[in-house]
Amino acid sequence: MTERPGIMTFKDAITIIGGGLAGSEAAWQVVKGGGRARIVEMKPVRFSPAHSIATLSELVCSNSLKSESMDNASGLLKAEMRTMGSLILSAAEATRVPAGNTLAVDRTAFSKQVTEALVSSGVEVVREELKRLPDSRPLIIATGPLTTDELAADIQRLVGSKSLNFYDAVAPIVYRDSIDMSRAFKASRWGKGGDDYINCPMDESEYERFFTALVGSDRVGRREFEDMLSFEGCMPIEVMAERGPKTLLFGPMRPVGLTDPRTGKRPFAVVQLRRENFEDTLYNMVGFQTRLKFPEQKKVFRTIPGLEAAEFARLGKLHRNIFIDSPKLLTCSQQLKSDGSIFFAGQITGVEGYTESAVSGILAGINALRLVKGLPQVCPPPTTMTGALMRYISEETRTGFQPMNSNMGLLPRMPGKDRREKQIERALADFSRWHEETLETLKGI
């Protein structure tokens, strides 16, 4: 089947809006499972400010798909994706360039490889800019972080005006085990709210050292299509500091209501970290959204007492990034709670990163096809990286939702030494078992 220039309507096809990584993976899973898929992609009718080539699955930020090493979350996620027959990873293998343990690709060749694989497999690729959601069902919405304003407005009508975010203001997240609790202490302001906060106290000299490092740090430049005026309500920590050396002391680093148990006195300044997940493995640096470059964040934030050896599950950033309030809206299977014939996939769900977007598309494609075949929806176990990530974005108890990448802190803890190795071993075994059981239900259908 070849590409066609306008909308087609044919029976029993699963329609996918967006031909990025998530949309491409979703379509691949549908046709691989014997279904019919149609991708509606606005390129080359219209390009976003970040896109420049007409083929599908264009990588815009980097040519790196992160580490393949099996001792980290990125490598584990790729292993699970390969088990599910990921198109993105097979195309990456065919177009990779030398980069050590990192999976890097020739961006143009990679995009062409994905497009040709989809078209030759029978996926209908329709080149048209949609300004409203189509009536066809099942429908997978995989429009990405730069969804056009017109289509975003229609998605907003679908999910509710308070359930769609247009900007991503993300503070760093630190692994709990890397915080030095001999320097930090657990407490809430005025003794209210339990001990879900870890506090890193500073005396005046420590604050001055941190402040000097912060204001002298290197930061990411603003892209033309990112309206920083929208961030006045969640100002970057370094911009706040430029308003004066005491500004932070009346903002996110205010020490009121806290007593350092080592001194019995109120600290001069304090950095609070809020518990981020049920497993108590991840802590968010409260009020520390930032545009510092990633190496600068590590250098500056490790001047904070208690965070000298901090390991970061996620670093901070602020950028345009349309995403829905998935904990309120989606099930773990990527299905819309209010309309089971609609699925979301990719960064619009609140997963962060290329491979994370792709695995979201894989799961949406699998479940959309299962819906067509009358089978129940599925999601990998929480002990797997895919299952843990999908549950993170769909936990109903989560408030103040912000996007998340894959990281080992999402997995349930394991006791003893070598816990990371044990987590990975358990994840691979549980994922393999789940995948076999999922395939078993498709036999005879």
Protein backbone atom coordinates (compact mmCIF):
# COMPACT_ATOMS: atom_id res chain seq x y z
CA MET A 1 0.00 0.00 0.00
CA THR A 2 1.27 3.49 -0.80
CA GLU A 3 0.86 6.80 0.93
CA ARG A 4 -2.21 8.84 0.02
CA PRO A 5 -2.64 12.61 0.23
CA GLY A 6 -6.06 12.91 1.90
CA ILE A 7 -8.26 11.32 4.57
CA MET A 8 -9.54 7.86 3.71
CA THR A 9 -12.37 6.17 5.50
CA PHE A 10 -12.46 2.42 5.54
CA LYS A 11 -14.02 0.00 7.94
CA ASP A 12 -12.34 -1.54 10.96
CA ALA A 13 -9.11 0.46 10.75
CA ILE A 14 -7.48 1.78 13.91
CA THR A 15 -6.77 5.47 13.35
CA ILE A 16 -3.59 6.95 14.84
CA ILE A 17 -3.08 10.70 14.91
CA GLY A 18 0.62 11.50 14.70
CA GLY A 19 3.47 9.73 12.99
CA GLY A 20 6.15 10.19 15.63
CA LEU A 21 7.78 7.40 17.60
CA ALA A 22 4.63 6.55 19.56
CA GLY A 23 2.29 6.63 16.56
CA SER A 24 4.67 4.57 14.45
CA GLU A 25 5.07 1.92 17.15
CA ALA A 26 1.30 1.78 17.69
CA ALA A 27 0.64 1.23 13.98
CA TRP A 28 3.35 -1.43 13.82
CA GLN A 29 1.83 -3.39 16.68
CA VAL A 30 -1.61 -3.24 15.05
CA VAL A 31 -0.52 -4.60 11.66
CA LYS A 32 1.89 -7.08 13.25
CA GLY A 33 -1.09 -8.49 15.14
CA GLY A 34 -3.22 -8.79 12.02
CA GLY A 35 -5.15 -5.52 12.29
CA ARG A 36 -5.48 -2.52 9.98
CA ALA A 37 -3.88 0.80 10.87
CA ARG A 38 -4.02 4.29 9.48
CA ILE A 39 -1.63 7.07 10.52
CA VAL A 40 -2.75 10.66 9.98
CA GLU A 41 0.37 12.85 9.87
CA MET A 42 0.41 16.60 9.17
CA LYS A 43 3.91 16.67 7.63
CA PRO A 44 4.65 17.89 4.97
CA VAL A 45 1.36 19.81 4.80
CA ARG A 46 2.52 21.62 7.92
CA PHE A 47 5.70 21.36 9.94
CA SER A 48 6.04 22.13 13.64
CA PRO A 49 8.79 24.60 14.58
CA ALA A 50 11.02 21.65 15.54
CA HIS A 51 10.52 19.37 12.51
CA SER A 52 12.15 19.57 9.08
CA ILE A 53 11.78 16.26 7.18
CA ALA A 54 8.63 14.65 5.80
CA THR A 55 9.28 11.07 6.89
CA LEU A 56 7.89 9.55 10.09
CA SER A 57 9.52 9.19 13.53
CA GLU A 58 11.77 12.21 13.13
CA LEU A 59 14.17 12.65 16.02
CA VAL A 60 14.31 16.36 16.78
CA CYS A 61 16.34 16.85 19.97
CA SER A 62 19.16 14.36 19.66
CA ASN A 63 20.29 11.41 17.59
CA SER A 64 20.77 9.37 20.76
CA LEU A 65 18.33 6.77 22.05
CA LYS A 66 20.31 6.55 25.30
CA SER A 67 22.22 3.68 26.82
CA GLU A 68 21.89 0.03 25.88
CA SER A 69 23.71 -1.12 28.99
CA MET A 70 21.71 -3.64 30.98
CA ASP A 71 22.68 -2.10 34.30
CA ASN A 72 20.29 0.86 34.02
CA ALA A 73 16.67 1.76 33.36
CA SER A 74 17.22 2.74 29.73
CA GLY A 75 18.78 -0.59 28.84
CA LEU A 76 16.07 -2.50 30.71
CA LEU A 77 13.32 -0.61 28.90
CA LYS A 78 14.91 -1.42 25.54
CA ALA A 79 15.10 -5.10 26.45
CA GLU A 80 11.36 -5.11 27.19
CA MET A 81 10.65 -3.23 23.95
CA ARG A 82 12.62 -5.77 21.93
CA THR A 83 10.57 -8.55 23.49
CA MET A 84 7.46 -6.82 22.13
CA GLY A 85 8.97 -6.46 18.65
CA SER A 86 9.75 -2.73 18.68
CA LEU A 87 9.94 -1.18 15.20
CA ILE A 88 11.90 1.80 16.52
CA LEU A 89 14.68 -0.34 17.94
CA SER A 90 14.94 -2.54 14.84
CA ALA A 91 15.19 0.59 12.67
CA ALA A 92 17.78 2.03 15.06
CA GLU A 93 19.89 -1.11 14.79
CA ALA A 94 19.82 -0.84 11.00
CA THR A 95 20.88 2.83 10.99
CA ARG A 96 23.09 3.12 14.07
CA VAL A 97 26.33 5.06 14.19
CA PRO A 98 29.25 4.41 16.58
CA ALA A 99 28.60 5.82 20.06
CA GLY A 100 29.89 3.31 22.59
CA ASN A 101 27.12 1.88 24.78
CA THR A 102 24.71 4.52 23.51
CA LEU A 103 22.24 3.71 20.75
CA ALA A 104 22.78 6.57 18.29
CA VAL A 105 21.46 6.70 14.75
CA ASP A 106 21.67 8.54 11.46
CA ARG A 107 18.50 10.61 11.97
CA THR A 108 17.49 10.84 8.31
CA ALA A 109 18.17 7.18 7.53
CA PHE A 110 16.37 6.12 10.71
CA SER A 111 13.24 8.09 9.84
CA LYS A 112 13.24 6.74 6.28
CA GLN A 113 13.66 3.17 7.55
CA VAL A 114 10.65 3.46 9.87
CA THR A 115 8.47 5.02 7.16
CA GLU A 116 9.32 2.37 4.58
CA ALA A 117 8.70 -0.45 7.06
CA LEU A 118 5.24 0.89 7.95
CA VAL A 119 4.13 1.55 4.37
CA SER A 120 5.38 -1.82 3.11
CA SER A 121 3.54 -3.58 5.96
CA GLY A 122 0.22 -2.12 4.84
CA VAL A 123 -0.15 0.87 7.14
CA GLU A 124 -2.12 3.67 5.46
CA VAL A 125 -0.26 6.98 5.86
CA VAL A 126 -2.52 9.98 5.30
CA ARG A 127 -0.90 13.39 4.92
CA GLU A 128 -3.32 15.90 6.36
CA GLU A 129 -3.43 18.41 9.19
CA LEU A 130 -6.30 17.62 11.52
CA LYS A 131 -7.82 20.52 13.43
CA ARG A 132 -10.42 18.35 15.15
CA LEU A 133 -10.43 14.78 16.37
CA PRO A 134 -12.01 12.41 13.83
CA ASP A 135 -15.08 10.31 14.63
CA SER A 136 -13.36 7.04 13.70
CA ARG A 137 -12.84 4.49 16.48
CA PRO A 138 -10.67 2.99 17.87
CA LEU A 139 -8.59 6.15 17.95
CA ILE A 140 -5.03 6.58 19.24
CA ILE A 141 -3.96 10.17 19.94
CA ALA A 142 -0.17 10.40 19.63
CA THR A 143 0.27 14.01 18.60
CA GLY A 144 3.36 14.74 20.69
CA PRO A 145 4.58 17.70 22.74
CA LEU A 146 4.16 20.21 19.91
CA THR A 147 0.53 19.46 19.08
CA THR A 148 -0.93 22.34 17.06
CA ASP A 149 -3.04 24.85 18.94
CA GLU A 150 -6.19 23.98 16.97
CA LEU A 151 -5.99 20.25 17.64
CA ALA A 152 -4.92 20.84 21.24
CA ALA A 153 -8.08 22.88 21.75
CA ASP A 154 -10.18 19.95 20.57
CA ILE A 155 -8.27 17.53 22.81
CA GLN A 156 -8.90 19.97 25.65
CA ARG A 157 -12.63 19.77 24.93
CA LEU A 158 -12.36 15.98 25.13
CA VAL A 159 -10.45 15.77 28.43
CA GLY A 160 -11.57 18.96 30.16
CA SER A 161 -10.04 22.41 30.37
CA LYS A 162 -8.07 21.65 33.54
CA SER A 163 -6.60 18.37 32.29
CA LEU A 164 -4.34 19.60 29.50
CA ASN A 165 -1.00 21.28 30.17
CA PHE A 166 0.86 23.36 27.59
CA TYR A 167 4.17 23.83 29.37
CA ASP A 168 6.40 21.52 31.32
CA ALA A 169 8.03 23.00 34.44
CA VAL A 170 9.99 20.15 35.95
CA ALA A 171 12.18 20.16 39.07
CA PRO A 172 14.96 17.59 39.53
CA ILE A 173 14.18 14.28 41.21
CA VAL A 174 16.79 12.67 43.45
CA TYR A 175 17.18 9.03 44.40
CA ARG A 176 16.38 8.69 48.11
CA ASP A 177 19.35 6.43 48.77
CA SER A 178 21.81 9.05 47.50
CA ILE A 179 20.75 11.71 50.06
CA ASP A 180 23.10 12.05 53.04
CA MET A 181 20.71 11.83 56.01
CA SER A 182 23.49 12.73 58.42
CA ARG A 183 23.23 16.24 56.95
CA ALA A 184 19.50 16.26 56.11
CA PHE A 185 16.42 15.58 58.26
CA LYS A 186 12.79 14.60 57.75
CA ALA A 187 10.09 17.05 58.82
CA SER A 188 7.23 19.20 57.54
CA ARG A 189 6.88 22.92 58.24
CA TRP A 190 5.42 23.67 61.67
CA GLY A 191 5.23 19.93 62.31
CA LYS A 192 2.26 19.57 59.96
CA GLY A 193 1.91 16.93 57.28
CA GLY A 194 4.03 14.06 58.60
CA ASP A 195 7.56 13.37 57.41
CA ASP A 196 7.10 13.19 53.63
CA TYR A 197 9.70 15.95 53.23
CA ILE A 198 13.47 15.68 53.49
CA ASN A 199 15.12 18.98 54.43
CA CYS A 200 18.66 20.03 53.56
CA PRO A 201 19.57 22.92 55.94
CA MET A 202 22.14 25.60 55.20
CA ASP A 203 23.97 28.14 57.30
CA GLU A 204 24.72 31.56 55.83
CA SER A 205 28.09 30.64 54.32
CA GLU A 206 26.68 27.48 52.72
CA TYR A 207 23.82 29.48 51.24
CA GLU A 208 26.20 32.10 49.84
CA ARG A 209 28.30 29.38 48.20
CA PHE A 210 25.20 27.83 46.64
CA PHE A 211 23.84 31.22 45.51
CA THR A 212 27.13 32.17 43.85
CA ALA A 213 27.26 28.87 41.97
CA LEU A 214 23.64 29.22 40.89
CA VAL A 215 23.77 32.74 39.46
CA GLY A 216 27.04 32.00 37.68
CA SER A 217 25.76 28.83 36.02
CA ASP A 218 25.25 28.13 32.33
CA ARG A 219 21.68 27.71 31.12
CA VAL A 220 19.77 26.47 28.12
CA GLY A 221 18.73 29.17 25.65
CA ARG A 222 15.09 29.80 24.91
CA ARG A 223 13.73 28.43 21.66
CA GLU A 224 11.66 30.77 19.55
CA PHE A 225 8.50 28.70 20.01
CA GLU A 226 8.74 28.60 23.80
CA ASP A 227 6.91 31.50 25.43
CA MET A 228 8.72 32.01 28.71
CA LEU A 229 6.14 34.55 29.87
CA SER A 230 3.97 31.55 30.65
CA PHE A 231 6.44 30.52 33.35
CA GLU A 232 5.91 33.53 35.63
CA GLY A 233 3.92 31.27 37.97
CA CYS A 234 6.68 28.65 38.10
CA MET A 235 9.81 30.70 37.64
CA PRO A 236 13.19 28.99 37.16
CA ILE A 237 15.22 28.95 40.36
CA GLU A 238 18.14 30.78 38.69
CA VAL A 239 15.86 33.55 37.35
CA MET A 240 14.42 33.98 40.82
CA ALA A 241 17.94 34.28 42.25
CA GLU A 242 18.79 37.06 39.81
CA ARG A 243 16.14 39.24 41.47
CA GLY A 244 18.34 39.49 44.54
CA PRO A 245 20.35 37.36 46.99
CA LYS A 246 17.47 37.19 49.49
CA THR A 247 14.72 36.30 47.00
CA LEU A 248 15.14 32.56 47.47
CA LEU A 249 14.95 32.99 51.26
CA PHE A 250 11.37 34.19 50.84
CA GLY A 251 10.61 31.61 48.17
CA PRO A 252 11.44 27.90 47.82
CA MET A 253 14.35 28.06 50.30
CA ARG A 254 12.50 29.80 53.12
CA PRO A 255 13.42 28.20 56.47
CA VAL A 256 10.30 29.15 58.45
CA GLY A 257 8.58 26.42 60.42
CA LEU A 258 11.61 24.13 60.46
CA THR A 259 14.17 23.31 63.16
CA ASP A 260 17.48 21.64 62.40
CA PRO A 261 17.74 18.80 64.97
CA ARG A 262 21.53 19.06 64.92
CA THR A 263 21.51 22.65 66.19
CA GLY A 264 18.03 23.03 67.68
CA LYS A 265 17.68 26.24 65.67
CA ARG A 266 16.02 27.40 62.49
CA PRO A 267 18.42 27.11 59.51
CA PHE A 268 19.45 30.18 57.52
CA ALA A 269 18.02 28.51 54.40
CA VAL A 270 16.62 25.10 53.52
CA VAL A 271 16.04 22.99 50.43
CA GLN A 272 12.99 20.77 50.74
CA LEU A 273 12.58 17.49 48.87
CA ARG A 274 9.09 16.02 48.63
CA ARG A 275 8.42 12.30 48.46
CA GLU A 276 7.54 11.48 44.86
CA ASN A 277 6.35 7.87 44.82
CA PHE A 278 4.72 5.18 46.93
CA GLU A 279 7.92 3.12 47.09
CA ASP A 280 9.69 6.05 48.84
CA THR A 281 12.64 5.87 46.44
CA LEU A 282 12.33 9.24 44.68
CA TYR A 283 12.30 12.80 46.06
CA ASN A 284 11.42 15.98 44.15
CA MET A 285 13.39 19.21 44.80
CA VAL A 286 10.51 21.52 45.68
CA GLY A 287 10.44 24.77 43.70
CA PHE A 288 13.64 23.99 41.80
CA GLN A 289 12.32 24.04 38.24
CA THR A 290 15.23 25.21 36.13
CA ARG A 291 16.73 25.90 32.71
CA LEU A 292 20.29 25.13 33.78
CA LYS A 293 22.15 22.80 31.45
CA PHE A 294 22.19 19.24 32.76
CA PRO A 295 25.90 19.13 33.77
CA GLU A 296 25.44 22.50 35.52
CA GLN A 297 22.47 21.20 37.51
CA LYS A 298 24.52 18.35 38.90
CA LYS A 299 27.42 20.65 39.78
CA VAL A 300 25.32 23.39 41.38
CA PHE A 301 22.81 21.22 43.24
CA ARG A 302 25.57 19.04 44.70
CA THR A 303 26.78 22.10 46.63
CA ILE A 304 23.65 21.70 48.78
CA PRO A 305 24.41 20.03 52.14
CA GLY A 306 23.13 16.47 52.04
CA LEU A 307 23.15 16.33 48.23
CA GLU A 308 26.92 16.22 47.72
CA ALA A 309 26.63 12.68 46.29
CA ALA A 310 23.11 13.06 44.89
CA GLU A 311 22.10 10.84 41.98
CA PHE A 312 19.35 12.25 39.80
CA ALA A 313 16.49 10.17 38.42
CA ARG A 314 15.42 13.23 36.43
CA LEU A 315 16.95 16.64 35.89
CA GLY A 316 14.94 19.84 35.69
CA LYS A 317 13.73 21.69 32.61
CA LEU A 318 11.11 24.10 31.33
CA HIS A 319 9.79 23.91 27.79
CA ARG A 320 6.68 23.76 25.68
CA ASN A 321 5.24 20.30 26.16
CA ILE A 322 1.56 19.52 25.74
CA PHE A 323 0.53 16.66 28.02
CA ILE A 324 -2.66 15.51 29.68
CA ASP A 325 -3.32 14.87 33.36
CA SER A 326 -2.97 11.13 32.82
CA PRO A 327 -3.56 10.02 36.44
CA LYS A 328 -7.08 11.42 36.19
CA LEU A 329 -7.73 10.37 32.62
CA LEU A 330 -5.97 7.14 31.64
CA THR A 331 -5.79 3.53 32.70
CA CYS A 332 -2.47 1.71 32.80
CA SER A 333 -3.30 0.33 29.33
CA GLN A 334 -3.29 3.91 27.90
CA GLN A 335 -7.08 3.79 27.50
CA LEU A 336 -9.21 6.87 28.20
CA LYS A 337 -11.37 6.16 31.25
CA SER A 338 -14.32 8.17 29.95
CA ASP A 339 -14.28 6.57 26.47
CA GLY A 340 -12.70 3.14 26.13
CA SER A 341 -12.46 3.45 22.33
CA ILE A 342 -9.86 6.23 22.64
CA PHE A 343 -6.22 5.74 23.60
CA PHE A 344 -3.38 8.21 24.17
CA ALA A 345 0.27 7.43 23.44
CA GLY A 346 3.67 9.08 23.65
CA GLN A 347 4.76 12.29 25.34
CA ILE A 348 1.22 13.63 25.46
CA THR A 349 0.59 11.05 28.21
CA GLY A 350 3.40 12.43 30.38
CA VAL A 351 6.16 9.96 29.59
CA GLU A 352 9.45 11.74 28.96
CA GLY A 353 11.99 10.60 26.39
CA TYR A 354 12.22 8.91 23.00
CA THR A 355 12.14 5.30 24.13
CA GLU A 356 9.53 6.04 26.78
CA SER A 357 7.29 7.56 24.10
CA ALA A 358 7.86 4.58 21.85
CA VAL A 359 6.97 2.00 24.51
CA SER A 360 3.81 3.95 25.31
CA GLY A 361 2.89 3.63 21.63
CA ILE A 362 3.59 -0.09 21.67
CA LEU A 363 1.20 -0.62 24.57
CA ALA A 364 -1.50 1.61 23.05
CA GLY A 365 -1.27 -0.29 19.77
CA ILE A 366 -1.48 -3.67 21.51
CA ASN A 367 -4.52 -2.63 23.51
CA ALA A 368 -6.33 -0.93 20.63
CA LEU A 369 -5.99 -4.17 18.66
CA ARG A 370 -7.17 -6.20 21.64
CA LEU A 371 -10.21 -3.93 21.85
CA VAL A 372 -11.04 -4.69 18.22
CA LYS A 373 -10.65 -8.42 18.89
CA GLY A 374 -12.81 -8.31 22.01
CA LEU A 375 -9.99 -9.10 24.39
CA PRO A 376 -9.36 -7.48 27.80
CA GLN A 377 -6.84 -4.68 28.15
CA VAL A 378 -3.35 -5.51 29.42
CA CYS A 379 -0.44 -3.81 31.16
CA PRO A 380 2.90 -5.35 32.19
CA PRO A 381 3.52 -6.01 35.91
CA PRO A 382 4.71 -3.13 38.13
CA THR A 383 8.00 -4.97 38.62
CA THR A 384 8.87 -4.30 34.96
CA MET A 385 10.12 -0.95 33.67
CA THR A 386 7.27 -0.62 31.17
CA GLY A 387 4.66 -1.53 33.77
CA ALA A 388 6.16 0.74 36.42
CA LEU A 389 6.26 3.72 34.04
CA MET A 390 2.69 3.16 32.85
CA ARG A 391 1.48 2.91 36.44
CA TYR A 392 3.35 6.07 37.41
CA ILE A 393 1.46 8.11 34.83
CA SER A 394 -1.89 6.50 35.67
CA GLU A 395 -1.88 6.36 39.49
CA GLU A 396 -5.14 8.03 40.52
CA THR A 397 -3.73 9.26 43.84
CA ARG A 398 -1.03 11.34 42.11
CA THR A 399 -1.44 15.13 42.33
CA GLY A 400 0.54 17.88 40.65
CA PHE A 401 1.43 15.48 37.84
CA GLN A 402 4.57 16.17 35.82
CA PRO A 403 6.19 14.06 33.07
CA MET A 404 8.56 11.26 34.01
CA ASN A 405 11.30 9.27 32.29
CA SER A 406 12.20 5.65 32.99
CA ASN A 407 14.42 5.24 36.06
CA MET A 408 15.20 2.52 38.56
CA GLY A 409 13.41 4.40 41.33
CA LEU A 410 10.07 3.50 39.71
CA LEU A 411 10.57 -0.19 40.45
CA PRO A 412 9.57 -1.76 43.77
CA ARG A 413 12.49 -2.05 46.17
CA MET A 414 14.45 -5.23 46.73
CA PRO A 415 16.39 -5.91 49.93
CA GLY A 416 20.10 -6.39 50.38
CA LYS A 417 23.12 -5.63 48.27
CA ASP A 418 23.13 -5.76 44.48
CA ARG A 419 19.50 -4.65 44.57
CA ARG A 420 19.69 -3.04 41.13
CA GLU A 421 20.88 -6.28 39.56
CA LYS A 422 18.09 -8.12 41.36
CA GLN A 423 15.50 -5.59 40.18
CA ILE A 424 16.63 -6.02 36.59
CA GLU A 425 16.66 -9.81 36.83
CA ARG A 426 13.15 -9.81 38.29
CA ALA A 427 11.91 -7.35 35.68
CA LEU A 428 13.16 -9.42 32.76
CA ALA A 429 11.67 -12.63 34.13
CA ASP A 430 8.31 -11.04 34.95
CA PHE A 431 8.13 -9.28 31.60
CA SER A 432 8.89 -12.45 29.67
CA ARG A 433 6.19 -14.31 31.60
CA TRP A 434 3.66 -11.53 31.02
CA HIS A 435 4.44 -11.36 27.32
CA GLU A 436 4.02 -15.10 26.86
CA GLU A 437 0.67 -14.99 28.65
CA THR A 438 -0.45 -12.03 26.53
CA LEU A 439 0.47 -13.85 23.31
CA GLU A 440 -1.35 -16.95 24.53
CA THR A 441 -4.65 -15.07 24.71
CA LEU A 442 -4.30 -14.09 21.03
CA LYS A 443 -4.04 -17.67 19.80
CA GLY A 444 -7.07 -18.77 17.89
CA ILE A 445 -8.41 -15.20 17.51
